[in-house]
């Protein structure tokens, strides 16, 4: 029986201060794995340092972590994929356990959960902490799940997940997209707590708290609309109906009390909003049927690629 192939995936942009240690740590933790560093237009010699450390270096010239992950997933064949960041914030000690869960068939995605461990003590950026909590609560509420760390960059994947995951994001919102896709498609998820350490001195985060945070929230809204259309359009329908009813009630009360309508503009606009509410309900029902059909076709697709 052939030995299972493990690929360690390290997307990198200007990580010269840490990439050598990361490559060597994971070569030691997973000696039989192939270590891939995908350089994303680094200007500090990250690629050369990674090569000297023993990594297989490839290049992605479209800027953004999502673009790098897309190329990695398309180009690399393995039985298990371990994704980490090149900033030396994730411990290699968990790598073997995470890969074993995938190779034993117990998980399609293993999530390295920072938030249940040392993240809030180590991370010195308070808005990042707030953003992680906000995203977690939003996704778990909207998608009815209980994932503890949505945006961690430390994950292990099965081949089924990697080859069946349509990467649409271009930047740091990729982790959010992965999590929602896994929940929606009923993949086996396992979370294990991992120690998180803040970036060492000289290593700078590429994540912009505000612009990237907005992109993540936009991604959540978009995927909620696409994966749970009845829920999305149902919320809109409720809001329009509520405002419409508030507007039409006073004219009706006035009519029954006085025999004539005093507030025609409110009545007309309120009826318009109620009509829009009904249209949202109809839209949600139609798109919900399409989304269900898409899930059925996705399952058939997985059956085909596994033959």
Foldseek 3Di string as FASTA:
>chain_A
DDDFEEEEEEEDAQQLVFQLVVLLQLCVLPVRYAYEYEYAPHDPCSQVSNVVSPHHYHYDPQDAPLSSLLCVLVPDDGQKYWFAYRQPFFHSNCVVVQRVCSVVVNFQKEAAAAPVACCVVADPDVLVVVLQVVLQVLCCVLLVDRDRGQQHRTMMGGNLLSNLQDRDDGHSLRSNSSVNVCSLLVTRYHYDYTHTHDGDPPDDDPDDSPPVSVVNVVVSLVVSCQSQVQVNLLVQLVVLLVQLCVLQVVQVVCCVVPVHGDDVVSNVSSVVSNVVSVVSNVVSVVSNVVNVVVSVVSVVVSVVVVD
